[in-house]
Amino acid sequence: MSNFDDASGVRIVVKLTVKELIQRPYTDYQKLLFRKICILHVRESLTFKAIAEQLDREGYKSPTELTLTAEIVFGIYKKGKVREDRLSAKPKREIVQIVVM
């Protein structure tokens, strides 16, 4: 005879953390700019300064209409990578409590 023979049910409380629900949508321009920076940095091995100069010559501006600098390009790249990681992260599941009734 076990302790659960007279149990009428079980209540399980699960905590689910999903980071992808917390996001602000990127504009098409932000996506384009991030993709171009990734291609130039990863595939072409350009520095952020060289990327800023090339994109400036092509007429690109920052999403807030500023002239692109190495610092701005790096920020776009870094924030875009963080966003990619957040959106591709698997949900974190944790059983908080189990109650036998």
C-alpha atoms as a PDB file:
ATOM      1  CA  MET A   1       0.000   0.000   0.000  1.00  0.00           C
ATOM      2  CA  SER A   2       1.489   3.352  -1.044  1.00  0.00           C
ATOM      3  CA  ASN A   3       0.913   6.842   0.299  1.00  0.00           C
ATOM      4  CA  PHE A   4      -0.897   7.736  -2.925  1.00  0.00           C
ATOM      5  CA  ASP A   5      -3.706   5.170  -2.753  1.00  0.00           C
ATOM      6  CA  ASP A   6      -6.174   7.673  -1.314  1.00  0.00           C
ATOM      7  CA  ALA A   7      -5.014  10.659  -3.391  1.00  0.00           C
ATOM      8  CA  SER A   8      -7.780  12.396  -5.344  1.00  0.00           C
ATOM      9  CA  GLY A   9      -5.496  14.275  -7.721  1.00  0.00           C
ATOM     10  CA  VAL A  10      -2.192  15.976  -8.369  1.00  0.00           C
ATOM     11  CA  ARG A  11      -1.528  19.653  -8.933  1.00  0.00           C
ATOM     12  CA  ILE A  12       1.686  20.584 -10.723  1.00  0.00           C
ATOM     13  CA  VAL A  13       2.849  24.201 -10.971  1.00  0.00           C
ATOM     14  CA  VAL A  14       5.251  24.799 -13.848  1.00  0.00           C
ATOM     15  CA  LYS A  15       7.150  28.042 -14.453  1.00  0.00           C
ATOM     16  CA  LEU A  16       7.791  28.683 -18.158  1.00  0.00           C
ATOM     17  CA  THR A  17      10.156  31.438 -19.234  1.00  0.00           C
ATOM     18  CA  VAL A  18       9.984  32.379 -22.923  1.00  0.00           C
ATOM     19  CA  LYS A  19      12.235  35.256 -23.943  1.00  0.00           C
ATOM     20  CA  GLU A  20      10.946  35.501 -27.488  1.00  0.00           C
ATOM     21  CA  LEU A  21       7.648  36.961 -26.269  1.00  0.00           C
ATOM     22  CA  ILE A  22       9.482  40.069 -25.095  1.00  0.00           C
ATOM     23  CA  GLN A  23      10.438  41.794 -28.303  1.00  0.00           C
ATOM     24  CA  ARG A  24       9.950  44.904 -30.280  1.00  0.00           C
ATOM     25  CA  PRO A  25       9.559  44.388 -33.987  1.00  0.00           C
ATOM     26  CA  TYR A  26      12.453  45.428 -36.203  1.00  0.00           C
ATOM     27  CA  THR A  27      11.555  47.599 -39.161  1.00  0.00           C
ATOM     28  CA  ASP A  28      12.406  46.311 -42.622  1.00  0.00           C
ATOM     29  CA  TYR A  29      15.184  48.911 -42.754  1.00  0.00           C
ATOM     30  CA  GLN A  30      16.688  47.691 -39.467  1.00  0.00           C
ATOM     31  CA  LYS A  31      16.621  44.099 -40.745  1.00  0.00           C
ATOM     32  CA  LEU A  32      18.263  45.134 -44.018  1.00  0.00           C
ATOM     33  CA  LEU A  33      20.962  47.129 -42.249  1.00  0.00           C
ATOM     34  CA  PHE A  34      21.712  44.308 -39.811  1.00  0.00           C
ATOM     35  CA  ARG A  35      21.928  41.747 -42.640  1.00  0.00           C
ATOM     36  CA  LYS A  36      24.282  43.987 -44.646  1.00  0.00           C
ATOM     37  CA  ILE A  37      26.512  44.551 -41.591  1.00  0.00           C
ATOM     38  CA  CYS A  38      26.640  40.803 -40.885  1.00  0.00           C
ATOM     39  CA  ILE A  39      27.589  40.003 -44.464  1.00  0.00           C
ATOM     40  CA  LEU A  40      30.315  42.636 -44.541  1.00  0.00           C
ATOM     41  CA  HIS A  41      31.693  41.742 -41.111  1.00  0.00           C
ATOM     42  CA  VAL A  42      31.452  37.942 -41.135  1.00  0.00           C
ATOM     43  CA  ARG A  43      31.789  37.002 -44.817  1.00  0.00           C
ATOM     44  CA  GLU A  44      33.953  39.874 -46.045  1.00  0.00           C
ATOM     45  CA  SER A  45      35.923  40.284 -42.779  1.00  0.00           C
ATOM     46  CA  LEU A  46      35.606  44.066 -42.836  1.00  0.00           C
ATOM     47  CA  THR A  47      36.138  46.107 -39.683  1.00  0.00           C
ATOM     48  CA  PHE A  48      33.228  48.103 -38.290  1.00  0.00           C
ATOM     49  CA  LYS A  49      34.960  51.293 -39.421  1.00  0.00           C
ATOM     50  CA  ALA A  50      35.286  49.971 -42.986  1.00  0.00           C
ATOM     51  CA  ILE A  51      31.648  48.847 -42.924  1.00  0.00           C
ATOM     52  CA  ALA A  52      30.517  52.294 -41.749  1.00  0.00           C
ATOM     53  CA  GLU A  53      32.509  53.967 -44.527  1.00  0.00           C
ATOM     54  CA  GLN A  54      31.156  51.626 -47.206  1.00  0.00           C
ATOM     55  CA  LEU A  55      27.547  51.898 -46.101  1.00  0.00           C
ATOM     56  CA  ASP A  56      27.893  55.691 -45.835  1.00  0.00           C
ATOM     57  CA  ARG A  57      29.179  55.812 -49.437  1.00  0.00           C
ATOM     58  CA  GLU A  58      26.124  53.749 -50.456  1.00  0.00           C
ATOM     59  CA  GLY A  59      23.833  56.313 -48.774  1.00  0.00           C
ATOM     60  CA  TYR A  60      22.777  54.342 -45.710  1.00  0.00           C
ATOM     61  CA  LYS A  61      22.039  56.061 -42.415  1.00  0.00           C
ATOM     62  CA  SER A  62      21.376  54.710 -38.939  1.00  0.00           C
ATOM     63  CA  PRO A  63      17.750  53.872 -38.084  1.00  0.00           C
ATOM     64  CA  THR A  64      17.636  57.267 -36.333  1.00  0.00           C
ATOM     65  CA  GLU A  65      18.966  59.040 -39.465  1.00  0.00           C
ATOM     66  CA  LEU A  66      22.525  59.553 -38.129  1.00  0.00           C
ATOM     67  CA  THR A  67      25.647  59.170 -40.224  1.00  0.00           C
ATOM     68  CA  LEU A  68      27.023  55.694 -39.673  1.00  0.00           C
ATOM     69  CA  THR A  69      30.166  55.455 -37.551  1.00  0.00           C
ATOM     70  CA  ALA A  70      32.116  52.412 -36.383  1.00  0.00           C
ATOM     71  CA  GLU A  71      30.428  52.698 -32.973  1.00  0.00           C
ATOM     72  CA  ILE A  72      26.922  52.825 -34.448  1.00  0.00           C
ATOM     73  CA  VAL A  73      27.635  49.900 -36.780  1.00  0.00           C
ATOM     74  CA  PHE A  74      29.027  47.863 -33.881  1.00  0.00           C
ATOM     75  CA  GLY A  75      25.937  48.670 -31.800  1.00  0.00           C
ATOM     76  CA  ILE A  76      23.605  47.549 -34.592  1.00  0.00           C
ATOM     77  CA  TYR A  77      25.618  44.333 -34.988  1.00  0.00           C
ATOM     78  CA  LYS A  78      25.779  43.593 -31.260  1.00  0.00           C
ATOM     79  CA  LYS A  79      22.087  44.306 -30.599  1.00  0.00           C
ATOM     80  CA  GLY A  80      21.084  42.302 -33.663  1.00  0.00           C
ATOM     81  CA  LYS A  81      23.079  39.289 -32.453  1.00  0.00           C
ATOM     82  CA  VAL A  82      21.509  39.544 -28.983  1.00  0.00           C
ATOM     83  CA  ARG A  83      18.072  39.677 -30.617  1.00  0.00           C
ATOM     84  CA  GLU A  84      18.841  36.619 -32.766  1.00  0.00           C
ATOM     85  CA  ASP A  85      19.985  34.681 -29.696  1.00  0.00           C
ATOM     86  CA  ARG A  86      16.892  35.689 -27.756  1.00  0.00           C
ATOM     87  CA  LEU A  87      14.533  34.695 -30.558  1.00  0.00           C
ATOM     88  CA  SER A  88      16.218  31.326 -31.076  1.00  0.00           C
ATOM     89  CA  ALA A  89      16.454  30.442 -27.364  1.00  0.00           C
ATOM     90  CA  LYS A  90      14.497  27.444 -26.171  1.00  0.00           C
ATOM     91  CA  PRO A  91      11.928  28.051 -23.419  1.00  0.00           C
ATOM     92  CA  LYS A  92      13.160  27.435 -19.878  1.00  0.00           C
ATOM     93  CA  ARG A  93      10.891  25.069 -17.931  1.00  0.00           C
ATOM     94  CA  GLU A  94      10.980  24.622 -14.189  1.00  0.00           C
ATOM     95  CA  ILE A  95       8.662  22.585 -11.985  1.00  0.00           C
ATOM     96  CA  VAL A  96       7.946  24.859  -9.054  1.00  0.00           C
ATOM     97  CA  GLN A  97       5.607  22.733  -6.981  1.00  0.00           C
ATOM     98  CA  ILE A  98       3.926  19.305  -6.956  1.00  0.00           C
ATOM     99  CA  VAL A  99       1.012  18.771  -4.582  1.00  0.00           C
ATOM    100  CA  VAL A 100      -0.718  15.417  -4.112  1.00  0.00           C
ATOM    101  CA  MET A 101      -4.337  15.929  -3.040  1.00  0.00           C
END
